Amino acid sequence: MRSFNSEATEDMPTCRSTGFRQTGGIRLVLSLGVVAVIWCVLLPAIARRPAMVEHLNWLDDRGIDPSAMYYTELEMMDPILRRLERQRQFKPAE
């Protein structure tokens, strides 16, 4: 059976080594950078597209808050939800 001495275990890399912490920090910064680019660049660019502007105006005209958590509880959503349900019922199987 092989025994380990204290000198051998000191040379073994651990998860808490400096290199591991630096790599984790770099990954965190890169991840935050990706989220920032999506949030600050990509989503506003999508919101400026004509089709999205039209849809947002349509929602605004009907008093629908797109960020509302329980939008299905709004009175003006009843006809929309019924229409969507009819579309699902009559949609041909693929």
Protein backbone atom coordinates (compact mmCIF):
# COMPACT_ATOMS: atom_id res chain seq x y z
CA MET A 1 0.00 0.00 0.00
CA ARG A 2 1.23 3.44 -0.86
CA SER A 3 1.55 6.06 1.85
CA PHE A 4 1.44 9.79 1.42
CA ASN A 5 3.86 12.04 3.18
CA SER A 6 3.33 15.72 3.85
CA GLU A 7 5.82 16.76 1.15
CA ALA A 8 3.94 14.89 -1.56
CA THR A 9 0.58 16.40 -0.65
CA GLU A 10 1.96 19.95 -0.61
CA ASP A 11 2.90 19.67 -4.29
CA MET A 12 -0.55 18.48 -5.37
CA PRO A 13 -2.78 21.12 -6.97
CA THR A 14 -5.97 21.96 -5.10
CA CYS A 15 -9.21 23.61 -6.10
CA ARG A 16 -8.26 26.61 -4.02
CA SER A 17 -5.07 27.34 -5.93
CA THR A 18 -4.43 30.85 -7.24
CA GLY A 19 -4.83 29.74 -10.86
CA PHE A 20 -8.23 28.28 -10.15
CA ARG A 21 -9.40 31.49 -8.44
CA GLN A 22 -8.14 33.62 -11.33
CA THR A 23 -9.93 31.41 -13.85
CA GLY A 24 -13.14 31.64 -11.83
CA GLY A 25 -12.84 35.42 -11.67
CA ILE A 26 -12.27 35.64 -15.41
CA ARG A 27 -15.31 33.44 -16.05
CA LEU A 28 -17.43 35.61 -13.76
CA VAL A 29 -16.34 38.82 -15.51
CA LEU A 30 -16.96 37.28 -18.95
CA SER A 31 -20.39 36.02 -17.90
CA LEU A 32 -21.36 39.44 -16.54
CA GLY A 33 -20.07 41.01 -19.76
CA VAL A 34 -22.25 38.72 -21.87
CA VAL A 35 -25.31 39.54 -19.76
CA ALA A 36 -24.54 43.27 -20.00
CA VAL A 37 -24.22 43.11 -23.81
CA ILE A 38 -27.52 41.24 -24.11
CA TRP A 39 -29.29 43.59 -21.68
CA CYS A 40 -27.84 46.91 -22.89
CA VAL A 41 -27.28 46.27 -26.60
CA LEU A 42 -29.25 43.31 -27.97
CA LEU A 43 -32.60 43.80 -26.20
CA PRO A 44 -32.83 47.55 -26.96
CA ALA A 45 -31.96 46.82 -30.61
CA ILE A 46 -34.81 44.29 -30.76
CA ALA A 47 -37.18 46.78 -29.14
CA ARG A 48 -36.38 49.33 -31.90
CA ARG A 49 -37.35 46.96 -34.73
CA PRO A 50 -40.53 48.10 -36.53
CA ALA A 51 -42.46 44.90 -35.82
CA MET A 52 -41.67 45.11 -32.12
CA VAL A 53 -42.50 48.83 -31.95
CA GLU A 54 -45.85 48.07 -33.58
CA HIS A 55 -46.55 45.25 -31.13
CA LEU A 56 -45.58 47.37 -28.13
CA ASN A 57 -47.83 50.19 -29.39
CA TRP A 58 -50.68 47.70 -29.83
CA LEU A 59 -50.25 46.54 -26.23
CA ASP A 60 -50.04 50.13 -24.99
CA ASP A 61 -53.22 51.12 -26.87
CA ARG A 62 -55.08 48.36 -25.06
CA GLY A 63 -53.65 49.21 -21.65
CA ILE A 64 -51.64 45.99 -21.42
CA ASP A 65 -48.41 46.23 -19.47
CA PRO A 66 -45.98 43.77 -21.10
CA SER A 67 -44.08 43.46 -17.85
CA ALA A 68 -47.20 42.56 -15.85
CA MET A 69 -46.71 39.26 -14.08
CA TYR A 70 -50.36 38.20 -14.22
CA TYR A 71 -51.36 39.69 -17.56
CA THR A 72 -53.93 36.92 -18.12
CA GLU A 73 -56.02 38.49 -15.35
CA LEU A 74 -56.50 41.68 -17.38
CA GLU A 75 -59.98 42.05 -18.88
CA MET A 76 -58.66 42.98 -22.34
CA MET A 77 -56.74 39.68 -22.54
CA ASP A 78 -59.91 37.50 -22.61
CA PRO A 79 -60.54 37.84 -26.39
CA ILE A 80 -56.86 37.34 -27.14
CA LEU A 81 -56.67 34.20 -25.02
CA ARG A 82 -59.86 32.79 -26.60
CA ARG A 83 -58.44 33.42 -30.08
CA LEU A 84 -55.19 31.67 -29.17
CA GLU A 85 -57.11 28.71 -27.74
CA ARG A 86 -59.17 28.40 -30.98
CA GLN A 87 -55.95 28.49 -33.00
CA ARG A 88 -54.49 25.67 -30.92
CA GLN A 89 -57.64 23.56 -31.30
CA PHE A 90 -57.86 23.88 -35.07
CA LYS A 91 -54.18 23.71 -35.84
CA PRO A 92 -53.49 20.66 -38.07
CA ALA A 93 -51.25 17.98 -36.59
CA GLU A 94 -47.73 18.06 -37.97
